[in-house]
Amino acid sequence: MIPTELGRMALALLTGLLLGAGYFGGLYLTVKSLKRCASPRLLLTASFLIRLLVVLGVFYLLSDWGALVMLTAMGGFLIARLGWLRSRYGRGA
């Protein structure tokens, strides 16, 4: 593995972590604001589509760097998910 690939993998991991934090943070804020929203169905749908399009768009851009980089970014995304679960529900999540 050459240093450029290590740099790309590190950047992919950081990108996955940031994407996951943004995705699950957005989900948390959406669910939190459902009670005071006039149209919860519209809010849920719009929030989901925005979060999904951002994540898919960034993963699509990362796909040019290869499968290993994609897997590293997805790993970062899942680590962020685990971090959100543990921050809300403790170690048993």
Protein backbone atom coordinates (compact mmCIF):
# COMPACT_ATOMS: atom_id res chain seq x y z
CA MET A 1 0.00 0.00 0.00
CA ILE A 2 1.50 3.33 -1.04
CA PRO A 3 1.23 6.48 1.06
CA THR A 4 -1.31 8.05 -1.29
CA GLU A 5 -3.68 5.14 -0.69
CA LEU A 6 -3.25 5.48 3.08
CA GLY A 7 -4.07 9.17 2.82
CA ARG A 8 -7.15 8.42 0.76
CA MET A 9 -8.28 5.80 3.25
CA ALA A 10 -7.77 8.19 6.15
CA LEU A 11 -9.74 10.85 4.30
CA ALA A 12 -12.46 8.31 3.51
CA LEU A 13 -12.69 7.27 7.17
CA LEU A 14 -13.00 10.90 8.25
CA THR A 15 -15.57 11.52 5.52
CA GLY A 16 -17.59 8.49 6.65
CA LEU A 17 -17.49 9.65 10.25
CA LEU A 18 -18.66 13.15 9.30
CA LEU A 19 -21.36 11.80 6.98
CA GLY A 20 -22.62 9.44 9.66
CA ALA A 21 -22.64 12.18 12.28
CA GLY A 22 -24.55 14.46 9.91
CA TYR A 23 -26.97 11.75 8.83
CA PHE A 24 -27.86 10.52 12.29
CA GLY A 25 -27.74 14.02 13.76
CA GLY A 26 -30.23 15.10 11.11
CA LEU A 27 -32.40 12.10 11.90
CA TYR A 28 -32.31 12.96 15.60
CA LEU A 29 -33.29 16.56 14.93
CA THR A 30 -36.07 15.47 12.58
CA VAL A 31 -37.60 13.08 15.10
CA LYS A 32 -37.22 15.64 17.86
CA SER A 33 -39.16 18.26 15.91
CA LEU A 34 -42.03 16.01 14.76
CA LYS A 35 -44.38 16.98 17.61
CA ARG A 36 -44.36 20.67 16.81
CA CYS A 37 -44.53 20.25 13.03
CA ALA A 38 -47.76 20.89 11.13
CA SER A 39 -46.95 18.25 8.51
CA PRO A 40 -44.84 15.45 10.01
CA ARG A 41 -45.13 13.23 6.94
CA LEU A 42 -43.65 15.95 4.73
CA LEU A 43 -40.89 16.65 7.25
CA LEU A 44 -39.92 12.98 7.50
CA THR A 45 -39.95 12.50 3.74
CA ALA A 46 -37.99 15.66 2.96
CA SER A 47 -35.45 14.98 5.70
CA PHE A 48 -34.94 11.41 4.54
CA LEU A 49 -34.50 12.40 0.91
CA ILE A 50 -32.03 15.17 1.71
CA ARG A 51 -29.96 12.98 4.02
CA LEU A 52 -30.03 10.08 1.55
CA LEU A 53 -29.05 12.20 -1.46
CA VAL A 54 -26.14 13.79 0.40
CA VAL A 55 -24.78 10.45 1.61
CA LEU A 56 -25.23 8.73 -1.75
CA GLY A 57 -23.68 11.67 -3.57
CA VAL A 58 -20.57 11.66 -1.40
CA PHE A 59 -20.23 7.87 -1.62
CA TYR A 60 -20.57 8.15 -5.39
CA LEU A 61 -17.72 10.68 -5.47
CA LEU A 62 -15.59 8.41 -3.29
CA SER A 63 -16.24 5.44 -5.59
CA ASP A 64 -13.66 6.81 -8.03
CA TRP A 65 -10.97 5.93 -5.50
CA GLY A 66 -11.85 2.24 -5.38
CA ALA A 67 -13.66 -0.36 -3.36
CA LEU A 68 -11.32 -0.31 -0.36
CA VAL A 69 -11.83 3.42 0.09
CA MET A 70 -15.60 2.93 -0.18
CA LEU A 71 -15.53 0.23 2.48
CA THR A 72 -13.44 2.45 4.73
CA ALA A 73 -15.94 5.30 4.35
CA MET A 74 -18.84 2.95 5.07
CA GLY A 75 -16.98 1.72 8.13
CA GLY A 76 -16.65 5.31 9.33
CA PHE A 77 -20.36 5.82 8.71
CA LEU A 78 -21.19 2.77 10.83
CA ILE A 79 -18.80 3.86 13.57
CA ALA A 80 -20.64 7.20 13.68
CA ARG A 81 -23.93 5.28 13.98
CA LEU A 82 -22.54 3.32 16.89
CA GLY A 83 -21.37 6.57 18.48
CA TRP A 84 -24.85 8.09 18.19
CA LEU A 85 -26.46 5.00 19.70
CA ARG A 86 -24.02 4.88 22.59
CA SER A 87 -24.38 8.59 23.28
CA ARG A 88 -28.17 8.20 23.54
CA TYR A 89 -28.57 4.76 25.13
CA GLY A 90 -25.28 3.98 26.83
CA ARG A 91 -22.85 1.12 26.44
CA GLY A 92 -25.47 -1.60 25.92
CA ALA A 93 -26.61 -0.21 22.54
